[in-house]
């Protein structure tokens, strides 16, 4: 679908990894693909918050185009493999340590480059005590070529696997909706991707049925 006819991508997953799955979605009986091209991939990474635009600007150069297109295709393939993994894990509420996706993500992570930096905050300027308020270890990913992009996405997927309770990883209950989300609501009663997209439609259908 031409970019001009696509809505903006939806970041409703409460997880960058689930938003990655939702980078292709069918919320209202029409499928939208937000990773059609290399430029789409770079734009989505910035919009998702996984990367800063300044980190990726050099990858938009024509010299990177062929590799960027190749990486985008590989990213789409990985997305569908990860979708199968998430579907199984959310159905069973268990992450199998023998699942081949674990090894695949570890492989991607081994290809990526990261930098670590200690950031120290010492309070307000002019504080005579100079006491340290906080010490934080900050990690950042390095993007020298388009091949460094997939490890960044894999890192987001790794965080989901390691940190999420898969009892609350859910597929929207909209009859045609394909979007996933992590239910972080207080009572874990969330059913829809958003009320605007699927929730209100379900309410209207129930009202008409009554």
C-alpha atoms as a PDB file:
ATOM      1  CA  UNK A   1       0.000   0.000   0.000  1.00  0.00           C
ATOM      2  CA  UNK A   2       1.376   3.439  -0.851  1.00  0.00           C
ATOM      3  CA  UNK A   3       2.736   5.296   2.158  1.00  0.00           C
ATOM      4  CA  UNK A   4       0.300   8.153   1.581  1.00  0.00           C
ATOM      5  CA  UNK A   5      -2.637   5.770   2.089  1.00  0.00           C
ATOM      6  CA  UNK A   6      -1.347   4.184   5.278  1.00  0.00           C
ATOM      7  CA  UNK A   7      -2.280   5.431   8.737  1.00  0.00           C
ATOM      8  CA  UNK A   8       0.529   6.074  11.196  1.00  0.00           C
ATOM      9  CA  UNK A   9       1.836   2.935  12.893  1.00  0.00           C
ATOM     10  CA  UNK A  10       0.159   2.065  16.164  1.00  0.00           C
ATOM     11  CA  UNK A  11       2.221   1.607  19.320  1.00  0.00           C
ATOM     12  CA  UNK A  12      -0.283  -0.002  21.654  1.00  0.00           C
ATOM     13  CA  UNK A  13       1.614  -3.126  22.681  1.00  0.00           C
ATOM     14  CA  UNK A  14       3.110  -1.870  25.977  1.00  0.00           C
ATOM     15  CA  UNK A  15       6.258  -3.593  24.696  1.00  0.00           C
ATOM     16  CA  UNK A  16       8.589  -2.699  21.843  1.00  0.00           C
ATOM     17  CA  UNK A  17       8.668  -6.369  20.835  1.00  0.00           C
ATOM     18  CA  UNK A  18       4.881  -6.542  20.547  1.00  0.00           C
ATOM     19  CA  UNK A  19       4.827  -3.229  18.695  1.00  0.00           C
ATOM     20  CA  UNK A  20       7.273  -4.918  16.327  1.00  0.00           C
ATOM     21  CA  UNK A  21       4.703  -7.666  15.695  1.00  0.00           C
ATOM     22  CA  UNK A  22       2.111  -4.951  15.159  1.00  0.00           C
ATOM     23  CA  UNK A  23       4.221  -3.330  12.419  1.00  0.00           C
ATOM     24  CA  UNK A  24       1.954  -5.344  10.148  1.00  0.00           C
ATOM     25  CA  UNK A  25      -1.639  -5.346  11.285  1.00  0.00           C
ATOM     26  CA  UNK A  26      -5.221  -5.763  10.192  1.00  0.00           C
ATOM     27  CA  UNK A  27      -7.215  -3.754  12.716  1.00  0.00           C
ATOM     28  CA  UNK A  28     -10.204  -2.983  10.495  1.00  0.00           C
ATOM     29  CA  UNK A  29     -10.273  -5.706   7.844  1.00  0.00           C
ATOM     30  CA  UNK A  30      -7.497  -3.925   5.919  1.00  0.00           C
ATOM     31  CA  UNK A  31      -3.902  -5.064   6.259  1.00  0.00           C
ATOM     32  CA  UNK A  32      -1.264  -2.385   6.709  1.00  0.00           C
ATOM     33  CA  UNK A  33       2.456  -3.102   6.361  1.00  0.00           C
ATOM     34  CA  UNK A  34       4.714  -0.503   7.936  1.00  0.00           C
ATOM     35  CA  UNK A  35       7.977  -2.217   6.972  1.00  0.00           C
ATOM     36  CA  UNK A  36       7.636  -2.342   3.210  1.00  0.00           C
ATOM     37  CA  UNK A  37      10.935  -0.636   2.446  1.00  0.00           C
ATOM     38  CA  UNK A  38      14.269   0.173   4.023  1.00  0.00           C
ATOM     39  CA  UNK A  39      13.130   3.728   4.602  1.00  0.00           C
ATOM     40  CA  UNK A  40      10.017   2.369   6.323  1.00  0.00           C
ATOM     41  CA  UNK A  41      12.198   0.299   8.649  1.00  0.00           C
ATOM     42  CA  UNK A  42      14.319   3.289   9.646  1.00  0.00           C
ATOM     43  CA  UNK A  43      11.232   5.438  10.175  1.00  0.00           C
ATOM     44  CA  UNK A  44       9.535   2.768  12.276  1.00  0.00           C
ATOM     45  CA  UNK A  45      12.605   2.278  14.479  1.00  0.00           C
ATOM     46  CA  UNK A  46      12.627   6.003  15.228  1.00  0.00           C
ATOM     47  CA  UNK A  47       8.860   6.209  15.781  1.00  0.00           C
ATOM     48  CA  UNK A  48       8.965   3.207  18.110  1.00  0.00           C
ATOM     49  CA  UNK A  49      11.655   4.802  20.246  1.00  0.00           C
ATOM     50  CA  UNK A  50      14.100   1.958  19.674  1.00  0.00           C
ATOM     51  CA  UNK A  51      16.510   4.286  17.851  1.00  0.00           C
ATOM     52  CA  UNK A  52      17.123   7.999  17.578  1.00  0.00           C
ATOM     53  CA  UNK A  53      16.900   9.640  14.163  1.00  0.00           C
ATOM     54  CA  UNK A  54      20.435  10.997  14.584  1.00  0.00           C
ATOM     55  CA  UNK A  55      21.740   7.446  15.043  1.00  0.00           C
ATOM     56  CA  UNK A  56      20.247   6.242  11.759  1.00  0.00           C
ATOM     57  CA  UNK A  57      20.605   9.257   9.472  1.00  0.00           C
ATOM     58  CA  UNK A  58      23.809   7.954   7.843  1.00  0.00           C
ATOM     59  CA  UNK A  59      22.050   4.687   6.932  1.00  0.00           C
ATOM     60  CA  UNK A  60      19.724   6.580   4.592  1.00  0.00           C
ATOM     61  CA  UNK A  61      22.638   7.230   2.203  1.00  0.00           C
ATOM     62  CA  UNK A  62      22.374   5.524  -1.226  1.00  0.00           C
ATOM     63  CA  UNK A  63      25.492   3.480  -0.469  1.00  0.00           C
ATOM     64  CA  UNK A  64      23.528   1.545   2.172  1.00  0.00           C
ATOM     65  CA  UNK A  65      20.371   1.002   0.114  1.00  0.00           C
ATOM     66  CA  UNK A  66      21.027  -2.551  -1.081  1.00  0.00           C
ATOM     67  CA  UNK A  67      21.991  -3.779   2.375  1.00  0.00           C
ATOM     68  CA  UNK A  68      19.083  -1.890   3.927  1.00  0.00           C
ATOM     69  CA  UNK A  69      16.591  -3.578   1.597  1.00  0.00           C
ATOM     70  CA  UNK A  70      18.114  -6.965   2.414  1.00  0.00           C
ATOM     71  CA  UNK A  71      17.929  -6.321   6.147  1.00  0.00           C
ATOM     72  CA  UNK A  72      14.322  -5.141   5.856  1.00  0.00           C
ATOM     73  CA  UNK A  73      13.334  -8.393   4.182  1.00  0.00           C
ATOM     74  CA  UNK A  74      15.142 -10.384   6.886  1.00  0.00           C
ATOM     75  CA  UNK A  75      13.396  -8.281   9.530  1.00  0.00           C
ATOM     76  CA  UNK A  76       9.975  -9.118   8.100  1.00  0.00           C
ATOM     77  CA  UNK A  77      10.866 -12.817   8.080  1.00  0.00           C
ATOM     78  CA  UNK A  78      12.056 -12.656  11.683  1.00  0.00           C
ATOM     79  CA  UNK A  79       8.876 -10.824  12.667  1.00  0.00           C
ATOM     80  CA  UNK A  80       6.678 -13.690  11.466  1.00  0.00           C
ATOM     81  CA  UNK A  81       8.884 -16.293  13.161  1.00  0.00           C
ATOM     82  CA  UNK A  82       8.690 -14.298  16.380  1.00  0.00           C
ATOM     83  CA  UNK A  83       4.906 -14.027  15.977  1.00  0.00           C
ATOM     84  CA  UNK A  84       4.640 -17.825  15.966  1.00  0.00           C
ATOM     85  CA  UNK A  85       6.740 -17.935  19.132  1.00  0.00           C
ATOM     86  CA  UNK A  86       4.631 -15.294  20.895  1.00  0.00           C
ATOM     87  CA  UNK A  87       1.404 -17.001  19.834  1.00  0.00           C
ATOM     88  CA  UNK A  88       2.538 -20.303  21.326  1.00  0.00           C
ATOM     89  CA  UNK A  89       3.925 -18.743  24.504  1.00  0.00           C
ATOM     90  CA  UNK A  90       0.780 -16.665  25.115  1.00  0.00           C
ATOM     91  CA  UNK A  91      -1.477 -19.690  24.522  1.00  0.00           C
ATOM     92  CA  UNK A  92       0.450 -21.828  27.012  1.00  0.00           C
ATOM     93  CA  UNK A  93       1.692 -19.018  29.320  1.00  0.00           C
ATOM     94  CA  UNK A  94       5.075 -20.744  29.195  1.00  0.00           C
ATOM     95  CA  UNK A  95       8.315 -19.925  27.397  1.00  0.00           C
ATOM     96  CA  UNK A  96       9.969 -23.162  26.389  1.00  0.00           C
ATOM     97  CA  UNK A  97      13.753 -22.983  26.884  1.00  0.00           C
ATOM     98  CA  UNK A  98      14.147 -25.443  24.008  1.00  0.00           C
ATOM     99  CA  UNK A  99      12.295 -23.262  21.525  1.00  0.00           C
ATOM    100  CA  UNK A 100      14.547 -22.476  18.534  1.00  0.00           C
ATOM    101  CA  UNK A 101      13.617 -18.805  18.800  1.00  0.00           C
ATOM    102  CA  UNK A 102      15.795 -18.533  21.910  1.00  0.00           C
ATOM    103  CA  UNK A 103      18.883 -19.603  19.963  1.00  0.00           C
ATOM    104  CA  UNK A 104      17.934 -17.358  17.043  1.00  0.00           C
ATOM    105  CA  UNK A 105      17.646 -14.275  19.227  1.00  0.00           C
ATOM    106  CA  UNK A 106      20.896 -15.115  20.990  1.00  0.00           C
ATOM    107  CA  UNK A 107      22.546 -15.378  17.570  1.00  0.00           C
ATOM    108  CA  UNK A 108      21.312 -11.903  16.607  1.00  0.00           C
ATOM    109  CA  UNK A 109      22.396 -10.468  19.935  1.00  0.00           C
ATOM    110  CA  UNK A 110      25.893 -11.828  19.420  1.00  0.00           C
ATOM    111  CA  UNK A 111      26.133  -9.911  16.129  1.00  0.00           C
ATOM    112  CA  UNK A 112      25.249  -6.525  17.633  1.00  0.00           C
ATOM    113  CA  UNK A 113      27.531  -3.932  19.167  1.00  0.00           C
ATOM    114  CA  UNK A 114      26.785  -2.076  22.385  1.00  0.00           C
ATOM    115  CA  UNK A 115      28.494   0.624  24.397  1.00  0.00           C
ATOM    116  CA  UNK A 116      28.260   1.081  28.146  1.00  0.00           C
ATOM    117  CA  UNK A 117      28.672   4.399  29.918  1.00  0.00           C
ATOM    118  CA  UNK A 118      28.476   5.352  33.575  1.00  0.00           C
ATOM    119  CA  UNK A 119      26.440   8.527  34.104  1.00  0.00           C
ATOM    120  CA  UNK A 120      26.756  10.254  37.471  1.00  0.00           C
ATOM    121  CA  UNK A 121      24.334  12.910  38.695  1.00  0.00           C
ATOM    122  CA  UNK A 122      25.659  15.199  41.452  1.00  0.00           C
ATOM    123  CA  UNK A 123      22.644  17.309  42.229  1.00  0.00           C
ATOM    124  CA  UNK A 124      21.935  20.947  41.519  1.00  0.00           C
ATOM    125  CA  UNK A 125      24.667  23.197  40.217  1.00  0.00           C
ATOM    126  CA  UNK A 126      26.382  24.993  43.048  1.00  0.00           C
ATOM    127  CA  UNK A 127      25.575  22.337  45.611  1.00  0.00           C
ATOM    128  CA  UNK A 128      28.510  22.801  48.031  1.00  0.00           C
ATOM    129  CA  UNK A 129      28.377  19.225  49.272  1.00  0.00           C
ATOM    130  CA  UNK A 130      28.881  17.796  45.804  1.00  0.00           C
ATOM    131  CA  UNK A 131      27.134  14.657  46.988  1.00  0.00           C
ATOM    132  CA  UNK A 132      26.344  12.077  44.332  1.00  0.00           C
ATOM    133  CA  UNK A 133      22.613  11.647  43.793  1.00  0.00           C
ATOM    134  CA  UNK A 134      22.659   8.694  41.406  1.00  0.00           C
ATOM    135  CA  UNK A 135      24.918   6.499  39.350  1.00  0.00           C
ATOM    136  CA  UNK A 136      23.431   4.913  36.246  1.00  0.00           C
ATOM    137  CA  UNK A 137      24.898   2.467  33.761  1.00  0.00           C
ATOM    138  CA  UNK A 138      23.585   3.406  30.320  1.00  0.00           C
ATOM    139  CA  UNK A 139      23.829   1.097  27.318  1.00  0.00           C
ATOM    140  CA  UNK A 140      23.536   2.190  23.712  1.00  0.00           C
ATOM    141  CA  UNK A 141      23.544   0.258  20.476  1.00  0.00           C
ATOM    142  CA  UNK A 142      25.957   0.976  17.634  1.00  0.00           C
ATOM    143  CA  UNK A 143      24.589   1.278  14.081  1.00  0.00           C
ATOM    144  CA  UNK A 144      27.458   1.239  11.628  1.00  0.00           C
ATOM    145  CA  UNK A 145      25.640  -0.646   8.859  1.00  0.00           C
ATOM    146  CA  UNK A 146      22.038  -1.785   8.268  1.00  0.00           C
ATOM    147  CA  UNK A 147      23.028  -5.215   9.590  1.00  0.00           C
ATOM    148  CA  UNK A 148      23.223  -3.662  13.067  1.00  0.00           C
ATOM    149  CA  UNK A 149      19.481  -2.952  13.068  1.00  0.00           C
ATOM    150  CA  UNK A 150      18.149  -6.480  13.533  1.00  0.00           C
ATOM    151  CA  UNK A 151      20.178  -7.070  16.726  1.00  0.00           C
ATOM    152  CA  UNK A 152      18.491  -3.973  18.192  1.00  0.00           C
ATOM    153  CA  UNK A 153      15.051  -5.429  17.461  1.00  0.00           C
ATOM    154  CA  UNK A 154      16.186  -8.805  18.800  1.00  0.00           C
ATOM    155  CA  UNK A 155      17.217  -7.074  22.042  1.00  0.00           C
ATOM    156  CA  UNK A 156      13.672  -5.760  22.468  1.00  0.00           C
ATOM    157  CA  UNK A 157      12.336  -9.277  21.861  1.00  0.00           C
ATOM    158  CA  UNK A 158      14.793 -10.667  24.411  1.00  0.00           C
ATOM    159  CA  UNK A 159      13.513  -8.215  27.034  1.00  0.00           C
ATOM    160  CA  UNK A 160       9.945  -9.384  26.416  1.00  0.00           C
ATOM    161  CA  UNK A 161      10.927 -13.040  26.792  1.00  0.00           C
ATOM    162  CA  UNK A 162      12.948 -12.427  29.938  1.00  0.00           C
ATOM    163  CA  UNK A 163      10.652  -9.971  31.691  1.00  0.00           C
ATOM    164  CA  UNK A 164       7.035 -10.421  30.582  1.00  0.00           C
ATOM    165  CA  UNK A 165       4.411 -12.652  32.163  1.00  0.00           C
ATOM    166  CA  UNK A 166       3.048 -14.399  29.101  1.00  0.00           C
ATOM    167  CA  UNK A 167      -0.285 -14.971  30.805  1.00  0.00           C
ATOM    168  CA  UNK A 168      -0.906 -11.323  29.975  1.00  0.00           C
ATOM    169  CA  UNK A 169       0.419 -11.255  26.416  1.00  0.00           C
ATOM    170  CA  UNK A 170      -2.770 -11.182  24.387  1.00  0.00           C
ATOM    171  CA  UNK A 171      -4.144 -10.902  20.911  1.00  0.00           C
ATOM    172  CA  UNK A 172      -6.866  -8.282  20.507  1.00  0.00           C
ATOM    173  CA  UNK A 173     -10.338  -9.845  20.605  1.00  0.00           C
ATOM    174  CA  UNK A 174     -11.482  -7.873  17.552  1.00  0.00           C
ATOM    175  CA  UNK A 175     -12.736 -10.454  15.025  1.00  0.00           C
ATOM    176  CA  UNK A 176     -10.250  -9.445  12.342  1.00  0.00           C
ATOM    177  CA  UNK A 177      -7.622  -7.684  14.464  1.00  0.00           C
ATOM    178  CA  UNK A 178      -4.142  -9.189  14.526  1.00  0.00           C
ATOM    179  CA  UNK A 179      -2.511  -6.879  17.082  1.00  0.00           C
ATOM    180  CA  UNK A 180      -0.834  -8.065  20.271  1.00  0.00           C
ATOM    181  CA  UNK A 181      -0.456  -6.257  23.568  1.00  0.00           C
ATOM    182  CA  UNK A 182       0.846  -6.819  27.081  1.00  0.00           C
ATOM    183  CA  UNK A 183      -2.019  -6.350  29.501  1.00  0.00           C
ATOM    184  CA  UNK A 184      -0.614  -4.120  32.223  1.00  0.00           C
ATOM    185  CA  UNK A 185      -4.026  -2.971  33.451  1.00  0.00           C
ATOM    186  CA  UNK A 186      -4.664  -3.248  37.190  1.00  0.00           C
ATOM    187  CA  UNK A 187      -7.137  -6.129  36.935  1.00  0.00           C
ATOM    188  CA  UNK A 188      -5.697  -7.642  33.738  1.00  0.00           C
ATOM    189  CA  UNK A 189      -9.051  -7.262  31.988  1.00  0.00           C
ATOM    190  CA  UNK A 190      -7.889  -5.570  28.796  1.00  0.00           C
ATOM    191  CA  UNK A 191      -9.478  -7.100  25.687  1.00  0.00           C
ATOM    192  CA  UNK A 192      -8.851  -4.690  22.828  1.00  0.00           C
ATOM    193  CA  UNK A 193      -5.921  -3.135  20.997  1.00  0.00           C
ATOM    194  CA  UNK A 194      -7.663   0.204  21.601  1.00  0.00           C
ATOM    195  CA  UNK A 195     -11.226   1.174  22.372  1.00  0.00           C
ATOM    196  CA  UNK A 196     -11.218   3.480  19.342  1.00  0.00           C
ATOM    197  CA  UNK A 197     -10.263   0.753  16.872  1.00  0.00           C
ATOM    198  CA  UNK A 198     -11.889  -2.433  18.158  1.00  0.00           C
ATOM    199  CA  UNK A 199     -13.490  -1.822  21.538  1.00  0.00           C
ATOM    200  CA  UNK A 200     -16.144   0.626  20.380  1.00  0.00           C
ATOM    201  CA  UNK A 201     -16.938  -1.541  17.355  1.00  0.00           C
ATOM    202  CA  UNK A 202     -17.544  -4.508  19.656  1.00  0.00           C
ATOM    203  CA  UNK A 203     -19.756  -2.411  21.926  1.00  0.00           C
ATOM    204  CA  UNK A 204     -21.771  -1.171  18.949  1.00  0.00           C
ATOM    205  CA  UNK A 205     -22.181  -4.724  17.639  1.00  0.00           C
ATOM    206  CA  UNK A 206     -23.352  -5.932  21.051  1.00  0.00           C
ATOM    207  CA  UNK A 207     -25.824  -3.032  21.263  1.00  0.00           C
ATOM    208  CA  UNK A 208     -27.249  -3.866  17.832  1.00  0.00           C
ATOM    209  CA  UNK A 209     -27.559  -7.519  18.842  1.00  0.00           C
ATOM    210  CA  UNK A 210     -29.546  -6.580  21.962  1.00  0.00           C
END
